[in-house]
Protein backbone atom coordinates (compact mmCIF):
# COMPACT_ATOMS: atom_id res chain seq x y z
CA UNK A 1 75.62 76.19 159.61
CA UNK A 2 73.93 73.63 159.80
CA UNK A 3 71.75 74.12 156.38
CA UNK A 4 74.98 74.56 154.59
CA UNK A 5 76.19 71.16 155.87
CA UNK A 6 72.38 69.89 154.74
CA UNK A 7 73.07 71.15 151.87
CA UNK A 8 76.59 69.84 150.57
CA UNK A 9 75.30 66.43 152.41
CA UNK A 10 72.32 66.66 149.19
CA UNK A 11 74.76 67.31 146.92
CA UNK A 12 77.48 64.95 148.11
CA UNK A 13 74.27 61.94 148.52
CA UNK A 14 72.19 62.34 144.73
CA UNK A 15 75.55 62.95 142.92
CA UNK A 16 77.12 59.54 144.43
CA UNK A 17 73.44 58.00 143.92
CA UNK A 18 73.91 59.28 140.47
CA UNK A 19 77.45 58.40 139.79
CA UNK A 20 76.75 54.79 140.43
CA UNK A 21 74.35 54.21 138.63
CA UNK A 22 75.39 55.40 135.70
CA UNK A 23 78.69 53.11 136.77
CA UNK A 24 76.74 49.96 137.59
CA UNK A 25 74.28 50.71 134.24
CA UNK A 26 77.47 50.29 131.92
CA UNK A 27 78.41 47.46 134.18
CA UNK A 28 75.61 44.86 134.37
CA UNK A 29 73.78 46.42 131.28
CA UNK A 30 76.13 47.61 128.88
CA UNK A 31 74.27 46.99 125.63
CA UNK A 32 71.55 49.09 126.67
CA UNK A 33 73.91 51.39 128.12
CA UNK A 34 75.59 51.69 124.32
CA UNK A 35 72.22 51.68 122.76
CA UNK A 36 71.18 54.78 124.72
CA UNK A 37 74.00 56.37 124.37
CA UNK A 38 74.03 56.56 121.09
CA UNK A 39 70.64 57.35 120.08
CA UNK A 40 70.33 60.30 122.56
CA UNK A 41 74.13 61.63 120.97
CA UNK A 42 72.43 60.85 117.06
CA UNK A 43 69.27 63.13 118.04
CA UNK A 44 71.54 65.86 120.10
CA UNK A 45 73.85 65.99 116.19
CA UNK A 46 70.91 66.21 113.81
CA UNK A 47 68.94 68.55 116.02
CA UNK A 48 71.04 71.13 117.78
CA UNK A 49 74.06 71.34 115.35
CA UNK A 50 73.69 74.74 114.88
CA UNK A 51 73.27 75.14 118.81
CA UNK A 52 76.80 74.03 119.52
CA UNK A 53 78.04 75.55 116.88
CA UNK A 54 76.39 79.46 117.14
CA UNK A 55 77.51 78.95 121.45
CA UNK A 56 80.53 77.69 121.82
CA UNK A 57 81.59 81.04 118.83
CA UNK A 58 79.80 83.27 121.34
CA UNK A 59 82.17 81.95 124.10
CA UNK A 60 84.84 83.28 121.73
CA UNK A 61 83.86 86.54 120.96
CA UNK A 62 82.49 87.26 124.50
CA UNK A 63 85.67 86.08 126.95
CA UNK A 64 88.12 88.12 124.12
CA UNK A 65 85.28 91.03 124.60
CA UNK A 66 85.67 90.87 128.53
CA UNK A 67 89.41 90.70 128.13
CA UNK A 68 89.48 93.79 126.33
CA UNK A 69 87.22 95.85 128.15
CA UNK A 70 86.95 98.17 130.64
CA UNK A 71 86.50 95.27 133.22
CA UNK A 72 89.45 93.92 132.03
CA UNK A 73 91.20 95.55 134.79
CA UNK A 74 89.03 93.87 137.60
CA UNK A 75 91.54 91.90 139.80
CA UNK A 76 90.09 88.38 140.99
CA UNK A 77 90.60 88.76 143.99
CA UNK A 78 90.68 92.28 146.37
CA UNK A 79 92.62 94.87 144.88
CA UNK A 80 95.88 94.89 144.96
CA UNK A 81 96.25 90.93 145.59
CA UNK A 82 99.09 89.50 143.82
CA UNK A 83 98.66 85.86 141.53
CA UNK A 84 99.03 83.06 144.49
CA UNK A 85 100.99 81.04 141.50
CA UNK A 86 103.75 81.58 138.84
CA UNK A 87 102.79 82.21 135.46
CA UNK A 88 104.62 79.16 134.58
CA UNK A 89 102.88 76.64 137.53
CA UNK A 90 99.76 78.35 136.68
CA UNK A 91 100.22 77.71 132.64
CA UNK A 92 101.68 74.08 134.16
CA UNK A 93 98.32 73.29 136.20
CA UNK A 94 95.50 74.37 133.69
CA UNK A 95 96.99 72.74 130.66
CA UNK A 96 97.61 69.54 132.33
CA UNK A 97 93.86 69.78 134.23
CA UNK A 98 92.57 71.15 130.34
CA UNK A 99 93.35 68.81 127.26
CA UNK A 100 96.88 67.16 128.64
CA UNK A 101 96.04 63.59 127.41
CA UNK A 102 93.86 64.56 124.96
CA UNK A 103 96.59 66.11 122.76
CA UNK A 104 98.67 63.22 123.34
CA UNK A 105 95.96 60.32 122.22
CA UNK A 106 94.67 62.73 119.41
CA UNK A 107 97.95 64.15 118.66
CA UNK A 108 99.01 61.48 115.89
CA UNK A 109 95.21 60.10 114.73
CA UNK A 110 93.15 62.89 114.13
CA UNK A 111 95.15 65.05 111.62
CA UNK A 112 95.36 60.90 110.14
CA UNK A 113 92.01 60.82 110.03
CA UNK A 114 91.62 64.05 107.99
CA UNK A 115 93.17 63.75 105.83
CA UNK A 116 92.97 60.15 105.04
CA UNK A 117 88.85 61.14 105.15
CA UNK A 118 88.08 65.18 105.05
CA UNK A 119 85.24 66.81 104.64
CA UNK A 120 82.73 66.40 101.32
CA UNK A 121 84.69 68.30 98.24
CA UNK A 122 88.61 67.38 99.46
CA UNK A 123 89.97 64.53 97.86
CA UNK A 124 91.52 62.14 100.82
CA UNK A 125 95.00 62.15 100.50
CA UNK A 126 96.12 65.49 99.17
CA UNK A 127 97.72 68.45 99.43
CA UNK A 128 94.39 70.26 100.37
CA UNK A 129 93.29 67.29 102.55
CA UNK A 130 96.56 67.93 104.45
CA UNK A 131 96.46 71.54 104.42
CA UNK A 132 92.20 71.25 105.74
CA UNK A 133 93.70 68.69 108.76
CA UNK A 134 96.06 70.45 110.55
CA UNK A 135 93.67 73.60 110.15
CA UNK A 136 90.95 71.24 111.64
CA UNK A 137 92.96 70.54 114.57
CA UNK A 138 93.55 74.03 115.52
CA UNK A 139 90.19 74.84 115.13
CA UNK A 140 89.32 71.58 117.69
CA UNK A 141 91.65 72.07 120.40
CA UNK A 142 91.89 76.36 119.82
CA UNK A 143 90.58 79.38 120.95
CA UNK A 144 87.29 77.52 121.25
CA UNK A 145 87.27 75.20 123.99
CA UNK A 146 89.56 77.56 126.14
CA UNK A 147 86.92 80.15 125.74
CA UNK A 148 84.56 77.42 127.01
CA UNK A 149 86.79 76.96 130.23
CA UNK A 150 86.65 80.64 130.49
CA UNK A 151 83.45 81.43 131.28
CA UNK A 152 83.24 78.86 133.76
CA UNK A 153 86.52 79.54 135.67
CA UNK A 154 86.21 82.87 135.15
CA UNK A 155 82.39 82.78 137.07
CA UNK A 156 83.43 81.10 139.92
CA UNK A 157 86.62 82.83 140.23
CA UNK A 158 85.20 86.09 140.65
CA UNK A 159 82.51 85.03 142.35
CA UNK A 160 84.87 83.33 144.79
CA UNK A 161 87.43 85.35 145.31
CA UNK A 162 85.94 88.74 144.91
CA UNK A 163 82.35 87.98 146.07
CA UNK A 164 83.86 85.64 148.50
CA UNK A 165 81.21 83.11 148.00
CA UNK A 166 82.22 78.97 147.95
CA UNK A 167 82.88 77.78 144.91
CA UNK A 168 79.70 76.12 143.96
CA UNK A 169 78.03 76.36 140.36
CA UNK A 170 74.99 77.58 141.84
CA UNK A 171 76.60 80.49 143.51
CA UNK A 172 76.79 82.31 139.94
CA UNK A 173 73.23 82.04 139.28
CA UNK A 174 72.37 84.14 142.28
CA UNK A 175 72.79 87.31 140.57
CA UNK A 176 69.49 85.60 138.17
CA UNK A 177 67.82 83.17 140.28
CA UNK A 178 68.14 85.17 143.83
CA UNK A 179 69.41 84.14 146.91
CA UNK A 180 66.66 81.43 147.84
CA UNK A 181 66.72 79.79 144.58
CA UNK A 182 70.39 79.25 144.20
CA UNK A 183 69.89 77.88 147.78
CA UNK A 184 67.26 75.95 147.27
CA UNK A 185 65.94 72.82 144.32
CA UNK A 186 67.17 74.81 141.35
CA UNK A 187 70.69 75.83 142.94
CA UNK A 188 71.41 72.15 144.41
CA UNK A 189 70.02 70.48 140.63
CA UNK A 190 72.87 72.89 139.20
CA UNK A 191 75.00 71.75 141.62
CA UNK A 192 74.67 68.09 141.45
CA UNK A 193 74.26 68.05 137.53
CA UNK A 194 77.76 69.72 137.53
CA UNK A 195 79.52 66.90 140.37
CA UNK A 196 78.24 64.14 137.47
CA UNK A 197 79.42 65.86 135.13
CA UNK A 198 82.89 66.11 135.78
CA UNK A 199 82.66 62.56 137.22
CA UNK A 200 81.63 61.54 133.49
CA UNK A 201 84.22 64.31 131.27
CA UNK A 202 87.28 62.83 133.52
CA UNK A 203 86.47 59.30 133.07
CA UNK A 204 86.07 60.02 129.44
CA UNK A 205 89.91 60.56 129.61
CA UNK A 206 90.44 58.26 132.17
CA UNK A 207 89.22 55.70 129.76
CA UNK A 208 91.33 56.68 126.83
CA UNK A 209 94.50 57.14 128.79
CA UNK A 210 93.86 53.30 130.48
CA UNK A 211 93.62 52.47 126.28
CA UNK A 212 96.23 54.66 124.91
CA UNK A 213 98.65 52.43 127.50
CA UNK A 214 97.86 49.35 127.19
CA UNK A 215 97.79 49.53 123.85
CA UNK A 216 101.57 51.05 123.82
CA UNK A 217 102.58 48.52 126.14
CA UNK A 218 100.90 45.45 123.73
CA UNK A 219 103.01 47.76 120.65
CA UNK A 220 106.44 47.78 122.65
CA UNK A 221 106.63 44.82 124.76
CA UNK A 222 103.47 42.65 123.54
CA UNK A 223 101.92 43.20 126.51
CA UNK A 224 98.35 41.35 126.36
CA UNK A 225 96.07 44.77 125.75
CA UNK A 226 92.77 43.15 127.81
CA UNK A 227 90.83 43.46 130.51
CA UNK A 228 93.48 42.37 133.29
CA UNK A 229 95.77 45.38 132.04
CA UNK A 230 93.36 47.70 131.91
CA UNK A 231 92.43 46.64 135.92
CA UNK A 232 96.35 46.96 136.96
CA UNK A 233 96.50 50.11 134.86
CA UNK A 234 93.43 51.62 136.68
CA UNK A 235 94.63 50.44 140.17
CA UNK A 236 98.28 51.67 139.78
CA UNK A 237 97.18 54.80 138.38
CA UNK A 238 94.85 55.42 141.73
CA UNK A 239 97.30 54.80 143.90
CA UNK A 240 99.13 57.53 142.48
CA UNK A 241 96.30 60.06 142.42
CA UNK A 242 95.06 59.45 145.37
CA UNK A 243 98.58 59.95 147.13
CA UNK A 244 99.14 63.20 145.06
CA UNK A 245 95.27 65.04 145.78
CA UNK A 246 95.71 64.11 149.62
CA UNK A 247 98.63 66.25 149.36
CA UNK A 248 97.04 69.22 147.91
CA UNK A 249 97.16 71.94 145.53
CA UNK A 250 100.05 73.30 146.56
CA UNK A 251 102.31 70.20 146.81
CA UNK A 252 101.28 66.90 144.88
CA UNK A 253 99.27 68.78 141.89
CA UNK A 254 101.71 71.82 141.54
CA UNK A 255 104.68 69.06 141.14
CA UNK A 256 103.03 67.01 138.90
CA UNK A 257 102.04 69.62 137.28
CA UNK A 258 105.67 71.08 136.36
CA UNK A 259 106.82 66.63 135.64
CA UNK A 260 104.03 66.68 133.12
CA UNK A 261 105.12 70.42 130.97
CA UNK A 262 109.22 69.07 131.21
CA UNK A 263 108.04 65.72 129.57
CA UNK A 264 105.53 67.59 127.59
CA UNK A 265 107.97 69.96 125.95
CA UNK A 266 111.09 67.07 125.44
CA UNK A 267 108.45 64.65 123.40
CA UNK A 268 107.79 67.38 121.39
CA UNK A 269 111.35 69.01 120.78
CA UNK A 270 112.30 65.02 120.15
CA UNK A 271 109.72 64.62 117.62
CA UNK A 272 110.57 67.95 116.31
CA UNK A 273 114.11 67.05 115.42
CA UNK A 274 113.72 63.24 114.98
CA UNK A 275 110.72 64.27 112.22
CA UNK A 276 111.05 66.55 108.69
CA UNK A 277 111.65 70.02 110.83
CA UNK A 278 111.86 72.15 107.71
CA UNK A 279 108.04 70.26 106.90
CA UNK A 280 106.85 70.90 110.51
CA UNK A 281 107.84 75.40 110.41
CA UNK A 282 106.18 75.84 107.09
CA UNK A 283 102.86 73.76 107.92
CA UNK A 284 102.71 75.67 111.95
CA UNK A 285 102.89 79.57 109.50
CA UNK A 286 100.54 77.43 106.77
CA UNK A 287 98.45 76.17 109.09
CA UNK A 288 98.47 79.02 111.92
CA UNK A 289 97.13 81.37 108.32
CA UNK A 290 94.65 79.22 107.00
CA UNK A 291 92.93 79.00 111.20
CA UNK A 292 92.39 82.88 111.04
CA UNK A 293 91.58 83.05 107.83
CA UNK A 294 88.74 80.90 108.20
CA UNK A 295 87.99 80.92 112.09
CA UNK A 296 84.86 82.20 111.63
CA UNK A 297 83.73 80.69 108.46
CA UNK A 298 84.20 77.40 110.50
CA UNK A 299 83.14 78.30 113.31
CA UNK A 300 80.05 78.63 111.86
CA UNK A 301 79.86 76.03 108.72
CA UNK A 302 76.88 73.75 109.06
CA UNK A 303 77.52 71.13 106.39
CA UNK A 304 79.75 70.85 102.82
CA UNK A 305 78.08 70.59 99.29
CA UNK A 306 75.09 69.45 101.41
CA UNK A 307 76.67 66.94 103.54
CA UNK A 308 76.55 67.89 107.12
CA UNK A 309 78.20 64.31 108.53
CA UNK A 310 81.66 65.47 108.86
CA UNK A 311 80.73 68.81 110.61
CA UNK A 312 78.61 66.07 113.09
CA UNK A 313 81.23 63.84 113.75
CA UNK A 314 84.22 65.64 114.45
CA UNK A 315 82.98 69.45 114.50
CA UNK A 316 79.96 69.24 116.91
CA UNK A 317 81.14 66.27 118.58
CA UNK A 318 84.53 68.12 120.04
CA UNK A 319 82.10 71.26 121.23
CA UNK A 320 79.99 68.74 122.50
CA UNK A 321 83.46 66.68 124.80
CA UNK A 322 84.46 69.89 125.78
CA UNK A 323 81.91 71.28 126.97
CA UNK A 324 81.61 68.03 128.97
CA UNK A 325 84.73 69.10 130.92
CA UNK A 326 83.87 72.61 131.32
CA UNK A 327 82.76 72.42 135.37
CA UNK A 328 85.32 70.72 136.26
CA UNK A 329 88.29 72.65 134.25
CA UNK A 330 86.39 75.50 135.33
CA UNK A 331 86.77 75.11 138.75
CA UNK A 332 90.14 74.16 138.97
CA UNK A 333 91.51 76.94 137.26
CA UNK A 334 89.51 79.32 139.39
CA UNK A 335 90.71 77.54 142.02
CA UNK A 336 94.60 78.25 140.87
CA UNK A 337 94.05 81.99 139.33
CA UNK A 338 93.53 83.79 142.60
CA UNK A 339 95.11 88.01 142.16
CA UNK A 340 95.00 87.91 138.42
CA UNK A 341 92.84 90.29 136.65
CA UNK A 342 90.53 89.09 134.45
CA UNK A 343 92.24 90.27 131.43
CA UNK A 344 95.31 88.39 132.43
CA UNK A 345 93.13 85.34 133.27
CA UNK A 346 91.22 85.33 129.81
CA UNK A 347 94.39 85.78 127.56
CA UNK A 348 96.20 83.18 129.87
CA UNK A 349 93.71 80.58 130.06
CA UNK A 350 92.67 81.33 126.12
CA UNK A 351 95.72 82.22 123.96
CA UNK A 352 98.57 80.96 125.43
CA UNK A 353 97.10 77.07 125.59
CA UNK A 354 96.12 77.80 121.99
CA UNK A 355 99.50 78.74 120.88
CA UNK A 356 101.07 75.67 122.67
CA UNK A 357 98.25 73.00 120.86
CA UNK A 358 99.16 74.53 117.15
CA UNK A 359 102.83 73.35 117.95
CA UNK A 360 102.16 70.10 119.63
CA UNK A 361 99.56 69.21 116.08
CA UNK A 362 101.70 71.24 113.74
CA UNK A 363 104.52 68.56 115.15
CA UNK A 364 103.00 65.45 115.07
CA UNK A 365 100.73 66.47 112.54
CA UNK A 366 103.91 66.96 110.52
CA UNK A 367 105.54 63.61 111.68
CA UNK A 368 101.83 61.56 110.88
CA UNK A 369 101.29 63.24 107.32
CA UNK A 370 105.18 62.82 106.51
CA UNK A 371 104.69 58.73 107.26
CA UNK A 372 101.02 58.65 106.00
CA UNK A 373 102.79 58.19 102.07
CA UNK A 374 104.70 54.70 103.14
CA UNK A 375 101.06 53.19 104.58
CA UNK A 376 98.81 52.01 101.76
CA UNK A 377 94.83 53.53 101.82
CA UNK A 378 93.56 50.39 103.26
CA UNK A 379 96.36 50.25 106.55
CA UNK A 380 95.44 54.47 107.01
CA UNK A 381 92.35 53.16 107.53
CA UNK A 382 93.03 50.71 110.15
CA UNK A 383 95.36 53.16 111.48
CA UNK A 384 92.50 55.39 112.09
CA UNK A 385 90.42 53.50 112.56
CA UNK A 386 92.24 52.58 116.25
CA UNK A 387 93.44 56.01 117.51
CA UNK A 388 94.89 54.59 120.69
CA UNK A 389 97.45 52.73 118.57
CA UNK A 390 97.79 55.45 115.36
CA UNK A 391 100.68 57.41 118.03
CA UNK A 392 102.55 54.48 118.04
CA UNK A 393 102.51 53.10 114.59
CA UNK A 394 103.69 56.63 113.47
CA UNK A 395 106.80 56.46 115.63
CA UNK A 396 107.93 52.83 114.08
CA UNK A 397 107.97 54.81 111.00
CA UNK A 398 111.25 57.21 112.09
CA UNK A 399 114.53 56.21 113.83
CA UNK A 400 114.88 56.09 118.18
CA UNK A 401 110.48 55.71 117.50
CA UNK A 402 110.69 53.54 120.49
CA UNK A 403 112.19 56.31 122.24
CA UNK A 404 109.35 58.71 121.49
CA UNK A 405 106.35 55.58 122.36
CA UNK A 406 108.35 55.50 125.41
CA UNK A 407 108.71 59.49 126.40
CA UNK A 408 104.93 58.99 125.52
CA UNK A 409 103.72 56.39 127.51
CA UNK A 410 105.36 58.03 130.30
CA UNK A 411 103.50 61.66 129.59
CA UNK A 412 100.53 59.40 129.16
CA UNK A 413 101.16 58.68 132.69
CA UNK A 414 102.15 61.85 134.12
CA UNK A 415 99.08 63.52 132.71
CA UNK A 416 96.48 60.72 134.03
CA UNK A 417 97.02 61.58 137.24
CA UNK A 418 97.61 64.99 136.87
CA UNK A 419 94.35 65.30 135.55
CA UNK A 420 92.59 62.81 137.50
CA UNK A 421 93.96 63.94 141.06
CA UNK A 422 92.72 67.54 139.89
CA UNK A 423 89.25 65.80 138.98
CA UNK A 424 89.15 64.18 142.86
CA UNK A 425 89.78 67.80 144.55
CA UNK A 426 87.61 69.14 142.19
CA UNK A 427 84.22 67.04 142.67
CA UNK A 428 85.04 66.78 147.01
CA UNK A 429 85.25 70.62 146.73
CA UNK A 430 81.99 70.54 144.84
CA UNK A 431 80.46 67.77 147.35
CA UNK A 432 81.80 70.20 150.23
CA UNK A 433 80.20 73.50 150.48
CA UNK A 434 83.07 74.34 148.12
CA UNK A 435 85.63 74.41 150.46
CA UNK A 436 89.15 75.40 149.13
CA UNK A 437 90.79 72.35 150.86
CA UNK A 438 87.68 69.98 151.51
CA UNK A 439 88.43 66.76 153.46
CA UNK A 440 90.65 63.28 152.07
CA UNK A 441 87.99 61.81 153.02
CA UNK A 442 85.69 63.27 149.74
CA UNK A 443 88.78 62.82 147.80
CA UNK A 444 89.42 59.12 148.74
CA UNK A 445 85.65 58.41 147.37
CA UNK A 446 85.62 60.67 144.16
CA UNK A 447 89.32 58.97 143.31
CA UNK A 448 87.99 55.41 143.54
CA UNK A 449 84.38 56.59 142.12
CA UNK A 450 85.90 58.07 139.61
CA UNK A 451 88.11 54.71 138.78
CA UNK A 452 85.48 52.89 138.88
CA UNK A 453 83.04 54.56 136.43
CA UNK A 454 86.44 54.73 133.95
CA UNK A 455 86.68 50.90 134.09
CA UNK A 456 82.19 50.55 133.73
CA UNK A 457 82.60 52.85 130.29
CA UNK A 458 85.89 51.02 129.03
CA UNK A 459 83.60 47.59 129.29
CA UNK A 460 80.57 48.88 127.78
CA UNK A 461 82.58 49.34 124.52
CA UNK A 462 85.63 51.41 124.14
CA UNK A 463 86.36 54.87 123.21
CA UNK A 464 83.24 55.53 121.45
CA UNK A 465 81.19 54.52 124.35
CA UNK A 466 82.89 56.14 126.76
CA UNK A 467 82.98 59.29 125.07
CA UNK A 468 79.18 59.57 123.81
CA UNK A 469 78.49 59.16 127.66
CA UNK A 470 79.53 62.23 128.61
CA UNK A 471 79.07 64.22 125.32
CA UNK A 472 74.90 63.00 126.13
CA UNK A 473 74.84 64.49 129.98
CA UNK A 474 77.02 67.88 129.10
CA UNK A 475 74.20 69.07 127.11
CA UNK A 476 71.83 70.84 129.31
CA UNK A 477 75.69 72.69 130.44
CA UNK A 478 75.27 74.46 127.08
CA UNK A 479 72.40 76.13 128.67
CA UNK A 480 74.18 76.92 132.16
CA UNK A 481 77.13 78.65 130.80
CA UNK A 482 75.22 80.70 129.04
CA UNK A 483 73.28 81.58 132.16
CA UNK A 484 77.13 81.86 133.90
CA UNK A 485 78.43 84.86 130.95
CA UNK A 486 74.69 86.53 132.03
CA UNK A 487 75.39 86.41 135.58
CA UNK A 488 78.22 87.54 135.17
CA UNK A 489 77.89 90.51 133.24
CA UNK A 490 75.15 91.22 135.53
CA UNK A 491 77.41 91.73 138.44
CA UNK A 492 80.43 93.12 136.72
CA UNK A 493 78.06 96.04 135.46
CA UNK A 494 76.88 96.69 139.28
CA UNK A 495 80.82 96.71 140.58
CA UNK A 496 81.88 99.38 137.97
CA UNK A 497 77.82 100.93 138.72
CA UNK A 498 77.26 100.86 134.81
CA UNK A 499 73.05 100.38 134.19
CA UNK A 500 72.85 96.41 134.00
CA UNK A 501 71.73 95.81 130.06
């Protein structure tokens, strides 16, 4: 018991110290911080694009193959155990934690960006560019990111509920590391790294959400968009998510996730009815066909006509970004998935969110591409250069646009709170020895520190730096997830009595 407490304190102390250093560096030395992050990101894109592309496709194949294999019937818990949450609440929680705020942020900005500046070889602002834009959005928000989450979440859920271990990444590597190393420096290093990555990964969305809410307030109510507004937003949101995080999963997080889904569906239906409905239906059908047709080629495409800039700036960037979210989302969806079979878990985590994301981008891609003809090329370039305001500029082109903007800002707040309180809960678990119900003092500590890190990243350079920092830190997790997949297969084969390959 004493050793476990000492291990817990080690993970907590070191991860907290590293997170504080990152925050202080971002605030005090923002120029050097930004330069270092950008240089490391450039190096990763140039040298390891092939690795990101191939491994993310591997995760998709691995997860789906596992779901439909003989292992798919294995339950994440005792045999015969029932799921802890209903399908609707389960989906609402995993979706809200997984990418909710990102969908609102990029729902309009990304389709317009690909339409105005597509991959080399495609003429901008043409029908071909429009189809490419929708297909790319489906790709970036579809099977690949959720497969990444599934590998992490499935490993945690299996070891936690089937093998009765605590929710720590180091426990997933025991079959490969051995008991001694998993509890020693290698295992602690993985747990510390997982914690730090969770802080920076969620701070990314924290910062994005703050900037978009602030931009929306300026656009709709003429409230100045600056440090004072950012500070007020972060403080108010922090109070909300700390309150719900302290309430626990069953009360605060579950209820807020249900509210999220209601607002999410309301905004999507409202945009569909106000926008070009028939065109949106056509975009959905054509987009799905293009996505599935080009799934494998697009997954491995390194360049277009010898130019790899678009692939590096968008696809590799997204794959790296989703990796930065894998520890947090994986831990959280594992926590809420007790009692489900491996097949239910994989299909629920990968197929349903992918389907909803394609509908979302069909609707908001539809209204943005329909409105794009009303902007000049220069205006489109300005809009896509500031993704946090793109949503509101497009809404202005439609009747009841102000209503859509108000719903969107409300949804941003609720998604903001959901992601942050889920992360607060996860961070407290990771630094409390993997306890399913961690102490409130840990939740409060991490909730406050996460807000400080987000504010530091905003001050250091806005959206691009916020994203770059989390992506750079996430790179080693590419290899950790591969090891988790290998470890999981070893245990599954051992349980079913087959010889590990």
